[in-house]
Amino acid sequence: MQPDEQATSKPISSTTRVFDAVRELRGLEQIATRETVADLTGLKLSVVDDRLRTLVDDGKLKRLLRGIYELVEAYPPSRNISKTILDNGYVMIEFTGRAGAEDVVLHLTPCEDRALAQLNMGAAGQAILINSTNQHLFLATELAARVESQGRELKAMRELLRTKLGTRQMDLLGIVEPEDTERREGSQP
């Protein structure tokens, strides 16, 4: 870049940097979390959160779970697709119907049709695997949040019981903390 080009070129906005980071993560088939976007862009989490919110409001991103984002796909309208097996064994695939687009007709040998079907099965299998992985990640994230919440609740209940009950009553109920076990073992002869 020439010195005059550097002076006239605008710096990349934080919104563009955040969007590009999400797109890059998508290209690598990685989940875009606020933390990974902040790492990629070098922006503060508060700025990333604000930019992610803006991109969601603009319809460019969608929020899958708290802190996890995905690109909103924007494809042109689908064409009509038909597949015909001809009397001579050839297969004709036609793509028609998009305004301003030329119709496409493919004439395939039976071998080519089988090869195309195998390629499509591979793509479908990959899509299923990606979807399954994402579903497992979302489930694991949700379960981790629930376990953390229940852990806090259990700790609060134990503290409440400790203030209301004596050690013997706690033992009878089976409420034993690691520090209680160490204390009892240390006091036994």
N, C-alpha and C. Protein backbone atom coordinates (compact mmCIF):
# COMPACT_ATOMS: atom_id res chain seq x y z
N MET A 1 0.85 -1.18 0.00
CA MET A 1 0.00 0.00 0.00
C MET A 1 0.89 1.24 0.00
N GLN A 2 0.53 2.19 -0.80
CA GLN A 2 1.28 3.44 -0.90
C GLN A 2 0.94 4.33 0.29
N PRO A 3 1.84 5.26 0.68
CA PRO A 3 1.57 6.15 1.80
C PRO A 3 0.26 6.92 1.65
N ASP A 4 -0.07 7.40 0.39
CA ASP A 4 -1.31 8.19 0.25
C ASP A 4 -2.53 7.27 0.41
N GLU A 5 -2.41 5.97 0.02
CA GLU A 5 -3.53 5.05 0.18
C GLU A 5 -3.79 4.78 1.66
N GLN A 6 -2.73 4.72 2.46
CA GLN A 6 -2.89 4.49 3.88
C GLN A 6 -3.63 5.66 4.53
N ALA A 7 -3.34 6.86 4.10
CA ALA A 7 -3.96 8.04 4.69
C ALA A 7 -5.44 8.13 4.32
N THR A 8 -5.80 7.66 3.09
CA THR A 8 -7.19 7.78 2.65
C THR A 8 -8.04 6.58 3.02
N SER A 9 -7.44 5.42 3.32
CA SER A 9 -8.26 4.24 3.66
C SER A 9 -8.79 4.36 5.08
N LYS A 10 -10.06 3.96 5.23
CA LYS A 10 -10.70 4.04 6.53
C LYS A 10 -10.33 2.84 7.38
N PRO A 11 -10.22 3.02 8.69
CA PRO A 11 -10.00 1.86 9.54
C PRO A 11 -11.25 0.97 9.53
N ILE A 12 -11.06 -0.32 9.75
CA ILE A 12 -12.17 -1.26 9.77
C ILE A 12 -12.96 -1.06 11.05
N SER A 13 -14.28 -0.94 10.92
CA SER A 13 -15.13 -0.70 12.10
C SER A 13 -15.15 -1.94 13.00
N SER A 14 -15.46 -1.73 14.26
CA SER A 14 -15.53 -2.85 15.20
C SER A 14 -16.65 -3.81 14.81
N THR A 15 -17.73 -3.27 14.25
CA THR A 15 -18.84 -4.14 13.81
C THR A 15 -18.37 -5.07 12.70
N THR A 16 -17.64 -4.53 11.75
CA THR A 16 -17.12 -5.34 10.64
C THR A 16 -16.12 -6.36 11.17
N ARG A 17 -15.28 -5.98 12.10
CA ARG A 17 -14.30 -6.91 12.68
C ARG A 17 -15.00 -8.06 13.38
N VAL A 18 -16.05 -7.77 14.13
CA VAL A 18 -16.80 -8.81 14.85
C VAL A 18 -17.50 -9.72 13.84
N PHE A 19 -18.16 -9.14 12.83
CA PHE A 19 -18.85 -9.95 11.82
C PHE A 19 -17.87 -10.84 11.08
N ASP A 20 -16.72 -10.29 10.68
CA ASP A 20 -15.70 -11.07 9.98
C ASP A 20 -15.18 -12.21 10.85
N ALA A 21 -15.04 -11.97 12.15
CA ALA A 21 -14.57 -13.01 13.07
C ALA A 21 -15.58 -14.15 13.14
N VAL A 22 -16.87 -13.82 13.23
CA VAL A 22 -17.91 -14.86 13.27
C VAL A 22 -17.90 -15.64 11.96
N ARG A 23 -17.75 -14.94 10.83
CA ARG A 23 -17.71 -15.60 9.53
C ARG A 23 -16.49 -16.51 9.42
N GLU A 24 -15.36 -16.05 9.92
CA GLU A 24 -14.14 -16.86 9.89
C GLU A 24 -14.30 -18.12 10.75
N LEU A 25 -14.88 -17.96 11.93
CA LEU A 25 -15.14 -19.12 12.79
C LEU A 25 -16.08 -20.10 12.10
N ARG A 26 -17.09 -19.58 11.42
CA ARG A 26 -18.03 -20.43 10.68
C ARG A 26 -17.29 -21.20 9.60
N GLY A 27 -16.38 -20.52 8.90
CA GLY A 27 -15.61 -21.18 7.85
C GLY A 27 -14.75 -22.32 8.39
N LEU A 28 -14.35 -22.20 9.63
CA LEU A 28 -13.57 -23.25 10.29
C LEU A 28 -14.46 -24.24 11.03
N GLU A 29 -15.79 -24.05 10.88
CA GLU A 29 -16.80 -24.88 11.54
C GLU A 29 -16.62 -24.88 13.05
N GLN A 30 -16.31 -23.70 13.59
CA GLN A 30 -16.18 -23.50 15.03
C GLN A 30 -17.37 -22.69 15.53
N ILE A 31 -17.67 -22.85 16.79
CA ILE A 31 -18.75 -22.10 17.41
C ILE A 31 -18.25 -20.69 17.72
N ALA A 32 -19.05 -19.70 17.41
CA ALA A 32 -18.69 -18.30 17.67
C ALA A 32 -19.25 -17.90 19.03
N THR A 33 -18.39 -17.88 20.03
CA THR A 33 -18.77 -17.39 21.34
C THR A 33 -18.24 -15.97 21.49
N ARG A 34 -18.78 -15.24 22.42
CA ARG A 34 -18.32 -13.87 22.63
C ARG A 34 -16.84 -13.86 22.98
N GLU A 35 -16.38 -14.88 23.72
CA GLU A 35 -14.97 -14.94 24.12
C GLU A 35 -14.05 -15.21 22.93
N THR A 36 -14.46 -16.15 22.04
CA THR A 36 -13.61 -16.44 20.88
C THR A 36 -13.56 -15.25 19.93
N VAL A 37 -14.69 -14.55 19.80
CA VAL A 37 -14.72 -13.36 18.94
C VAL A 37 -13.81 -12.27 19.53
N ALA A 38 -13.86 -12.10 20.84
CA ALA A 38 -12.99 -11.11 21.49
C ALA A 38 -11.52 -11.48 21.29
N ASP A 39 -11.20 -12.77 21.40
CA ASP A 39 -9.82 -13.22 21.18
C ASP A 39 -9.37 -12.94 19.75
N LEU A 40 -10.24 -13.23 18.79
CA LEU A 40 -9.87 -13.03 17.38
C LEU A 40 -9.72 -11.56 17.01
N THR A 41 -10.58 -10.72 17.58
CA THR A 41 -10.58 -9.31 17.18
C THR A 41 -9.67 -8.44 18.03
N GLY A 42 -9.38 -8.89 19.25
CA GLY A 42 -8.60 -8.07 20.18
C GLY A 42 -9.43 -6.97 20.82
N LEU A 43 -10.75 -7.04 20.65
CA LEU A 43 -11.64 -6.04 21.24
C LEU A 43 -12.04 -6.46 22.65
N LYS A 44 -12.41 -5.48 23.47
CA LYS A 44 -12.89 -5.77 24.82
C LYS A 44 -14.23 -6.49 24.73
N LEU A 45 -14.51 -7.33 25.75
CA LEU A 45 -15.77 -8.07 25.76
C LEU A 45 -16.99 -7.16 25.71
N SER A 46 -16.92 -6.01 26.37
CA SER A 46 -18.07 -5.09 26.36
C SER A 46 -18.33 -4.58 24.94
N VAL A 47 -17.27 -4.30 24.18
CA VAL A 47 -17.43 -3.84 22.79
C VAL A 47 -17.97 -4.99 21.94
N VAL A 48 -17.42 -6.19 22.12
CA VAL A 48 -17.88 -7.35 21.36
C VAL A 48 -19.36 -7.61 21.64
N ASP A 49 -19.76 -7.56 22.91
CA ASP A 49 -21.17 -7.77 23.26
C ASP A 49 -22.07 -6.76 22.57
N ASP A 50 -21.65 -5.50 22.57
CA ASP A 50 -22.44 -4.44 21.94
C ASP A 50 -22.53 -4.67 20.43
N ARG A 51 -21.42 -5.01 19.79
CA ARG A 51 -21.40 -5.24 18.34
C ARG A 51 -22.21 -6.48 17.97
N LEU A 52 -22.12 -7.54 18.78
CA LEU A 52 -22.91 -8.75 18.53
C LEU A 52 -24.40 -8.43 18.61
N ARG A 53 -24.78 -7.64 19.62
CA ARG A 53 -26.18 -7.24 19.77
C ARG A 53 -26.64 -6.45 18.54
N THR A 54 -25.80 -5.54 18.06
CA THR A 54 -26.13 -4.75 16.87
C THR A 54 -26.31 -5.65 15.65
N LEU A 55 -25.41 -6.61 15.47
CA LEU A 55 -25.49 -7.51 14.32
C LEU A 55 -26.73 -8.41 14.40
N VAL A 56 -27.13 -8.79 15.60
CA VAL A 56 -28.38 -9.56 15.77
C VAL A 56 -29.57 -8.67 15.40
N ASP A 57 -29.57 -7.43 15.90
CA ASP A 57 -30.65 -6.50 15.59
C ASP A 57 -30.75 -6.22 14.09
N ASP A 58 -29.59 -6.20 13.40
CA ASP A 58 -29.56 -5.95 11.96
C ASP A 58 -29.92 -7.18 11.14
N GLY A 59 -30.10 -8.34 11.80
CA GLY A 59 -30.46 -9.57 11.10
C GLY A 59 -29.30 -10.28 10.45
N LYS A 60 -28.07 -9.90 10.78
CA LYS A 60 -26.90 -10.56 10.17
C LYS A 60 -26.43 -11.76 10.99
N LEU A 61 -26.75 -11.76 12.29
CA LEU A 61 -26.40 -12.87 13.17
C LEU A 61 -27.65 -13.29 13.93
N LYS A 62 -27.63 -14.54 14.41
CA LYS A 62 -28.68 -14.98 15.32
C LYS A 62 -28.02 -15.53 16.57
N ARG A 63 -28.68 -15.32 17.70
CA ARG A 63 -28.18 -15.81 18.98
C ARG A 63 -28.76 -17.19 19.21
N LEU A 64 -27.88 -18.20 19.32
CA LEU A 64 -28.34 -19.57 19.52
C LEU A 64 -28.60 -19.83 21.00
N LEU A 65 -27.66 -19.45 21.83
CA LEU A 65 -27.76 -19.53 23.29
C LEU A 65 -27.07 -18.29 23.82
N ARG A 66 -27.14 -18.10 25.10
CA ARG A 66 -26.48 -16.95 25.69
C ARG A 66 -24.98 -17.02 25.40
N GLY A 67 -24.47 -16.02 24.68
CA GLY A 67 -23.04 -15.94 24.37
C GLY A 67 -22.60 -16.74 23.17
N ILE A 68 -23.54 -17.39 22.45
CA ILE A 68 -23.19 -18.19 21.27
C ILE A 68 -23.97 -17.67 20.08
N TYR A 69 -23.26 -17.37 18.99
CA TYR A 69 -23.86 -16.71 17.84
C TYR A 69 -23.56 -17.48 16.56
N GLU A 70 -24.42 -17.26 15.55
CA GLU A 70 -24.29 -17.91 14.26
C GLU A 70 -24.68 -16.93 13.17
N LEU A 71 -24.08 -17.10 11.99
CA LEU A 71 -24.44 -16.27 10.84
C LEU A 71 -25.87 -16.58 10.41
N VAL A 72 -26.56 -15.58 9.93
CA VAL A 72 -27.87 -15.78 9.31
C VAL A 72 -27.58 -16.00 7.83
N GLU A 73 -27.96 -17.17 7.35
CA GLU A 73 -27.71 -17.50 5.95
C GLU A 73 -28.62 -16.68 5.05
N ALA A 74 -28.05 -16.13 3.99
CA ALA A 74 -28.83 -15.35 3.04
C ALA A 74 -28.56 -15.90 1.64
N TYR A 75 -29.38 -16.85 1.23
CA TYR A 75 -29.24 -17.46 -0.09
C TYR A 75 -30.26 -16.86 -1.03
N PRO A 76 -29.98 -16.90 -2.34
CA PRO A 76 -31.01 -16.46 -3.29
C PRO A 76 -32.16 -17.46 -3.27
N PRO A 77 -33.31 -17.09 -3.81
CA PRO A 77 -34.44 -18.02 -3.83
C PRO A 77 -34.06 -19.33 -4.54
N SER A 78 -34.57 -20.43 -4.03
CA SER A 78 -34.27 -21.73 -4.62
C SER A 78 -34.89 -21.88 -6.00
N ARG A 79 -34.21 -22.63 -6.84
CA ARG A 79 -34.76 -22.95 -8.16
C ARG A 79 -35.56 -24.24 -8.06
N ASN A 80 -36.42 -24.46 -9.03
CA ASN A 80 -37.11 -25.74 -9.15
C ASN A 80 -36.10 -26.76 -9.64
N ILE A 81 -36.12 -27.95 -9.03
CA ILE A 81 -35.19 -29.00 -9.42
C ILE A 81 -36.00 -30.26 -9.71
N SER A 82 -35.72 -30.88 -10.85
CA SER A 82 -36.37 -32.15 -11.16
C SER A 82 -35.32 -33.14 -11.64
N LYS A 83 -35.61 -34.41 -11.38
CA LYS A 83 -34.71 -35.48 -11.81
C LYS A 83 -35.57 -36.51 -12.53
N THR A 84 -35.20 -36.83 -13.75
CA THR A 84 -35.95 -37.78 -14.56
C THR A 84 -35.01 -38.87 -15.03
N ILE A 85 -35.45 -40.13 -14.85
CA ILE A 85 -34.68 -41.26 -15.39
C ILE A 85 -35.28 -41.57 -16.76
N LEU A 86 -34.47 -41.41 -17.79
CA LEU A 86 -34.94 -41.59 -19.16
C LEU A 86 -34.97 -43.07 -19.53
N ASP A 87 -35.71 -43.40 -20.60
CA ASP A 87 -35.86 -44.79 -21.06
C ASP A 87 -34.51 -45.45 -21.35
N ASN A 88 -33.56 -44.69 -21.86
CA ASN A 88 -32.27 -45.26 -22.23
C ASN A 88 -31.30 -45.39 -21.05
N GLY A 89 -31.76 -45.07 -19.81
CA GLY A 89 -30.92 -45.22 -18.63
C GLY A 89 -30.24 -43.93 -18.20
N TYR A 90 -30.18 -42.95 -19.09
CA TYR A 90 -29.60 -41.66 -18.72
C TYR A 90 -30.50 -40.98 -17.69
N VAL A 91 -29.90 -40.05 -16.96
CA VAL A 91 -30.63 -39.29 -15.95
C VAL A 91 -30.56 -37.82 -16.34
N MET A 92 -31.71 -37.15 -16.31
CA MET A 92 -31.75 -35.73 -16.64
C MET A 92 -32.11 -34.96 -15.37
N ILE A 93 -31.27 -34.02 -15.01
CA ILE A 93 -31.52 -33.15 -13.86
C ILE A 93 -31.70 -31.74 -14.40
N GLU A 94 -32.83 -31.09 -14.02
CA GLU A 94 -33.14 -29.75 -14.50
C GLU A 94 -33.25 -28.78 -13.34
N PHE A 95 -32.62 -27.62 -13.50
CA PHE A 95 -32.72 -26.50 -12.56
C PHE A 95 -33.40 -25.37 -13.32
N THR A 96 -34.59 -24.96 -12.87
CA THR A 96 -35.34 -23.92 -13.58
C THR A 96 -36.01 -22.98 -12.60
N GLY A 97 -36.42 -21.81 -13.11
CA GLY A 97 -37.34 -20.98 -12.38
C GLY A 97 -36.82 -19.76 -11.67
N ARG A 98 -35.52 -19.53 -11.60
CA ARG A 98 -35.06 -18.32 -10.92
C ARG A 98 -35.04 -17.18 -11.92
N ALA A 99 -35.70 -16.08 -11.57
CA ALA A 99 -35.78 -14.92 -12.46
C ALA A 99 -34.37 -14.41 -12.77
N GLY A 100 -34.11 -14.22 -14.04
CA GLY A 100 -32.83 -13.68 -14.46
C GLY A 100 -31.72 -14.71 -14.54
N ALA A 101 -32.01 -15.96 -14.16
CA ALA A 101 -30.98 -17.00 -14.22
C ALA A 101 -31.30 -17.95 -15.36
N GLU A 102 -30.28 -18.43 -15.99
CA GLU A 102 -30.45 -19.36 -17.09
C GLU A 102 -30.79 -20.75 -16.54
N ASP A 103 -31.70 -21.44 -17.19
CA ASP A 103 -32.02 -22.81 -16.80
C ASP A 103 -30.83 -23.71 -17.08
N VAL A 104 -30.66 -24.73 -16.25
CA VAL A 104 -29.55 -25.66 -16.42
C VAL A 104 -30.13 -27.07 -16.53
N VAL A 105 -29.66 -27.81 -17.54
CA VAL A 105 -30.08 -29.18 -17.72
C VAL A 105 -28.82 -30.04 -17.79
N LEU A 106 -28.78 -31.07 -16.95
CA LEU A 106 -27.66 -32.00 -16.94
C LEU A 106 -28.14 -33.35 -17.47
N HIS A 107 -27.38 -33.96 -18.34
CA HIS A 107 -27.65 -35.32 -18.80
C HIS A 107 -26.53 -36.18 -18.25
N LEU A 108 -26.88 -37.09 -17.36
CA LEU A 108 -25.89 -37.92 -16.68
C LEU A 108 -26.03 -39.38 -17.06
N THR A 109 -24.90 -40.06 -17.15
CA THR A 109 -24.94 -41.51 -17.32
C THR A 109 -25.34 -42.12 -15.98
N PRO A 110 -25.78 -43.37 -15.98
CA PRO A 110 -26.10 -43.99 -14.69
C PRO A 110 -24.92 -43.96 -13.72
N CYS A 111 -23.72 -44.15 -14.21
CA CYS A 111 -22.53 -44.11 -13.36
C CYS A 111 -22.32 -42.70 -12.78
N GLU A 112 -22.51 -41.67 -13.60
CA GLU A 112 -22.38 -40.30 -13.11
C GLU A 112 -23.45 -39.98 -12.08
N ASP A 113 -24.66 -40.48 -12.29
CA ASP A 113 -25.75 -40.25 -11.34
C ASP A 113 -25.41 -40.88 -9.99
N ARG A 114 -24.87 -42.11 -10.01
CA ARG A 114 -24.49 -42.77 -8.76
C ARG A 114 -23.36 -41.99 -8.06
N ALA A 115 -22.39 -41.51 -8.85
CA ALA A 115 -21.28 -40.73 -8.26
C ALA A 115 -21.80 -39.45 -7.62
N LEU A 116 -22.75 -38.79 -8.30
CA LEU A 116 -23.34 -37.56 -7.75
C LEU A 116 -24.12 -37.88 -6.47
N ALA A 117 -24.84 -38.98 -6.47
CA ALA A 117 -25.59 -39.39 -5.27
C ALA A 117 -24.63 -39.65 -4.10
N GLN A 118 -23.50 -40.29 -4.37
CA GLN A 118 -22.51 -40.53 -3.31
C GLN A 118 -21.97 -39.22 -2.77
N LEU A 119 -21.70 -38.27 -3.65
CA LEU A 119 -21.21 -36.97 -3.19
C LEU A 119 -22.25 -36.27 -2.33
N ASN A 120 -23.51 -36.34 -2.74
CA ASN A 120 -24.58 -35.72 -1.95
C ASN A 120 -24.75 -36.40 -0.61
N MET A 121 -24.60 -37.71 -0.55
CA MET A 121 -24.70 -38.42 0.72
C MET A 121 -23.58 -37.98 1.66
N GLY A 122 -22.39 -37.77 1.11
CA GLY A 122 -21.28 -37.29 1.94
C GLY A 122 -21.57 -35.92 2.52
N ALA A 123 -22.11 -35.03 1.70
CA ALA A 123 -22.47 -33.69 2.18
C ALA A 123 -23.58 -33.76 3.21
N ALA A 124 -24.56 -34.63 2.97
CA ALA A 124 -25.65 -34.78 3.93
C ALA A 124 -25.13 -35.35 5.25
N GLY A 125 -24.25 -36.34 5.16
CA GLY A 125 -23.65 -36.91 6.37
C GLY A 125 -22.87 -35.88 7.15
N GLN A 126 -22.12 -35.05 6.45
CA GLN A 126 -21.35 -34.00 7.10
C GLN A 126 -22.28 -32.99 7.77
N ALA A 127 -23.37 -32.63 7.10
CA ALA A 127 -24.34 -31.69 7.69
C ALA A 127 -24.96 -32.29 8.94
N ILE A 128 -25.27 -33.58 8.90
CA ILE A 128 -25.85 -34.24 10.07
C ILE A 128 -24.84 -34.25 11.22
N LEU A 129 -23.58 -34.54 10.91
CA LEU A 129 -22.54 -34.56 11.94
C LEU A 129 -22.35 -33.18 12.56
N ILE A 130 -22.31 -32.15 11.74
CA ILE A 130 -22.15 -30.78 12.25
C ILE A 130 -23.33 -30.41 13.13
N ASN A 131 -24.54 -30.71 12.67
CA ASN A 131 -25.73 -30.40 13.45
C ASN A 131 -25.72 -31.16 14.77
N SER A 132 -25.35 -32.43 14.72
CA SER A 132 -25.30 -33.24 15.95
C SER A 132 -24.28 -32.68 16.93
N THR A 133 -23.12 -32.30 16.43
CA THR A 133 -22.07 -31.72 17.28
C THR A 133 -22.57 -30.43 17.93
N ASN A 134 -23.22 -29.59 17.14
CA ASN A 134 -23.75 -28.34 17.69
C ASN A 134 -24.82 -28.62 18.75
N GLN A 135 -25.71 -29.58 18.48
CA GLN A 135 -26.75 -29.91 19.45
C GLN A 135 -26.14 -30.41 20.75
N HIS A 136 -25.10 -31.24 20.64
CA HIS A 136 -24.43 -31.74 21.85
C HIS A 136 -23.76 -30.60 22.62
N LEU A 137 -23.15 -29.67 21.89
CA LEU A 137 -22.52 -28.53 22.55
C LEU A 137 -23.56 -27.70 23.29
N PHE A 138 -24.70 -27.43 22.66
CA PHE A 138 -25.74 -26.64 23.31
C PHE A 138 -26.27 -27.36 24.54
N LEU A 139 -26.47 -28.68 24.41
CA LEU A 139 -26.96 -29.47 25.54
C LEU A 139 -25.95 -29.45 26.68
N ALA A 140 -24.67 -29.64 26.34
CA ALA A 140 -23.64 -29.62 27.39
C ALA A 140 -23.57 -28.27 28.08
N THR A 141 -23.70 -27.19 27.31
CA THR A 141 -23.68 -25.84 27.89
C THR A 141 -24.86 -25.65 28.84
N GLU A 142 -26.04 -26.09 28.40
CA GLU A 142 -27.23 -25.95 29.22
C GLU A 142 -27.14 -26.80 30.48
N LEU A 143 -26.65 -28.04 30.34
CA LEU A 143 -26.50 -28.90 31.51
C LEU A 143 -25.47 -28.35 32.49
N ALA A 144 -24.37 -27.82 31.98
CA ALA A 144 -23.36 -27.24 32.87
C ALA A 144 -23.94 -26.08 33.66
N ALA A 145 -24.74 -25.25 33.03
CA ALA A 145 -25.38 -24.13 33.73
C ALA A 145 -26.34 -24.64 34.80
N ARG A 146 -27.09 -25.69 34.49
CA ARG A 146 -28.02 -26.24 35.48
C ARG A 146 -27.27 -26.87 36.66
N VAL A 147 -26.20 -27.61 36.37
CA VAL A 147 -25.41 -28.23 37.44
C VAL A 147 -24.82 -27.15 38.34
N GLU A 148 -24.30 -26.09 37.74
CA GLU A 148 -23.74 -24.99 38.52
C GLU A 148 -24.81 -24.36 39.41
N SER A 149 -25.98 -24.15 38.85
CA SER A 149 -27.08 -23.56 39.61
C SER A 149 -27.50 -24.48 40.76
N GLN A 150 -27.60 -25.76 40.50
CA GLN A 150 -28.00 -26.71 41.54
C GLN A 150 -26.91 -26.83 42.61
N GLY A 151 -25.65 -26.72 42.21
CA GLY A 151 -24.56 -26.74 43.18
C GLY A 151 -24.65 -25.57 44.14
N ARG A 152 -24.95 -24.38 43.60
CA ARG A 152 -25.11 -23.20 44.46
C ARG A 152 -26.30 -23.38 45.40
N GLU A 153 -27.39 -23.93 44.87
CA GLU A 153 -28.58 -24.15 45.67
C GLU A 153 -28.31 -25.17 46.79
N LEU A 154 -27.61 -26.25 46.46
CA LEU A 154 -27.27 -27.27 47.45
C LEU A 154 -26.37 -26.70 48.54
N LYS A 155 -25.41 -25.90 48.15
CA LYS A 155 -24.51 -25.28 49.13
C LYS A 155 -25.30 -24.38 50.07
N ALA A 156 -26.22 -23.59 49.52
CA ALA A 156 -27.04 -22.70 50.35
C ALA A 156 -27.92 -23.50 51.30
N MET A 157 -28.46 -24.62 50.84
CA MET A 157 -29.30 -25.46 51.70
C MET A 157 -28.48 -26.08 52.83
N ARG A 158 -27.27 -26.53 52.50
CA ARG A 158 -26.41 -27.10 53.53
C ARG A 158 -26.06 -26.06 54.59
N GLU A 159 -25.79 -24.85 54.14
CA GLU A 159 -25.48 -23.77 55.08
C GLU A 159 -26.68 -23.49 55.98
N LEU A 160 -27.85 -23.48 55.41
CA LEU A 160 -29.07 -23.26 56.17
C LEU A 160 -29.28 -24.38 57.19
N LEU A 161 -29.10 -25.62 56.77
CA LEU A 161 -29.25 -26.75 57.68
C LEU A 161 -28.19 -26.72 58.78
N ARG A 162 -26.98 -26.34 58.42
CA ARG A 162 -25.90 -26.28 59.41
C ARG A 162 -26.24 -25.30 60.54
N THR A 163 -26.91 -24.21 60.18
CA THR A 163 -27.28 -23.24 61.22
C THR A 163 -28.47 -23.72 62.05
N LYS A 164 -29.30 -24.60 61.49
CA LYS A 164 -30.50 -25.06 62.17
C LYS A 164 -30.31 -26.39 62.91
N LEU A 165 -29.41 -27.25 62.43
CA LEU A 165 -29.25 -28.59 62.98
C LEU A 165 -27.88 -28.77 63.63
N GLY A 166 -27.80 -29.73 64.52
CA GLY A 166 -26.52 -30.08 65.14
C GLY A 166 -25.79 -31.10 64.28
N THR A 167 -24.55 -31.43 64.66
CA THR A 167 -23.72 -32.36 63.90
C THR A 167 -24.36 -33.74 63.84
N ARG A 168 -24.90 -34.21 64.97
CA ARG A 168 -25.53 -35.55 65.00
C ARG A 168 -26.73 -35.60 64.05
N GLN A 169 -27.54 -34.57 64.07
CA GLN A 169 -28.70 -34.54 63.18
C GLN A 169 -28.26 -34.51 61.71
N MET A 170 -27.18 -33.78 61.42
CA MET A 170 -26.63 -33.72 60.07
C MET A 170 -26.17 -35.12 59.64
N ASP A 171 -25.49 -35.85 60.57
CA ASP A 171 -25.04 -37.21 60.28
C ASP A 171 -26.21 -38.12 59.99
N LEU A 172 -27.29 -38.04 60.80
CA LEU A 172 -28.46 -38.88 60.60
C LEU A 172 -29.11 -38.64 59.24
N LEU A 173 -29.08 -37.39 58.80
CA LEU A 173 -29.65 -37.06 57.49
C LEU A 173 -28.70 -37.39 56.34
N GLY A 174 -27.45 -37.72 56.67
CA GLY A 174 -26.47 -38.04 55.63
C GLY A 174 -25.88 -36.83 54.96
N ILE A 175 -25.93 -35.70 55.64
CA ILE A 175 -25.36 -34.47 55.10
C ILE A 175 -23.96 -34.32 55.66
N VAL A 176 -22.98 -34.69 54.85
CA VAL A 176 -21.60 -34.67 55.30
C VAL A 176 -20.78 -33.83 54.32
N GLU A 177 -20.07 -32.89 54.84
CA GLU A 177 -19.16 -32.07 54.05
C GLU A 177 -17.76 -32.65 54.16
N PRO A 178 -16.89 -32.47 53.20
CA PRO A 178 -15.52 -32.98 53.28
C PRO A 178 -14.80 -32.50 54.54
N GLU A 179 -15.02 -31.23 54.92
CA GLU A 179 -14.35 -30.73 56.12
C GLU A 179 -14.88 -31.41 57.39
N ASP A 180 -16.18 -31.82 57.38
CA ASP A 180 -16.75 -32.54 58.52
C ASP A 180 -16.08 -33.90 58.67
N THR A 181 -15.85 -34.59 57.57
CA THR A 181 -15.22 -35.91 57.60
C THR A 181 -13.80 -35.79 58.14
N GLU A 182 -13.04 -34.81 57.67
CA GLU A 182 -11.66 -34.62 58.13
C GLU A 182 -11.64 -34.31 59.62
N ARG A 183 -12.57 -33.48 60.08
CA ARG A 183 -12.63 -33.10 61.49
C ARG A 183 -12.94 -34.32 62.36
N ARG A 184 -13.90 -35.16 61.93
CA ARG A 184 -14.27 -36.34 62.72
C ARG A 184 -13.15 -37.36 62.73
N GLU A 185 -12.49 -37.57 61.58
CA GLU A 185 -11.40 -38.53 61.53
C GLU A 185 -10.23 -38.08 62.38
N GLY A 186 -9.99 -36.78 62.45
CA GLY A 186 -8.90 -36.24 63.25
C GLY A 186 -9.18 -36.34 64.75
N SER A 187 -10.47 -36.36 65.13
CA SER A 187 -10.80 -36.38 66.56
C SER A 187 -10.89 -37.81 67.10
N GLN A 188 -10.94 -38.83 66.22
CA GLN A 188 -11.02 -40.21 66.68
C GLN A 188 -9.64 -40.71 67.09
N PRO A 189 -9.58 -41.59 68.14
CA PRO A 189 -8.29 -42.10 68.60
C PRO A 189 -7.64 -43.05 67.65
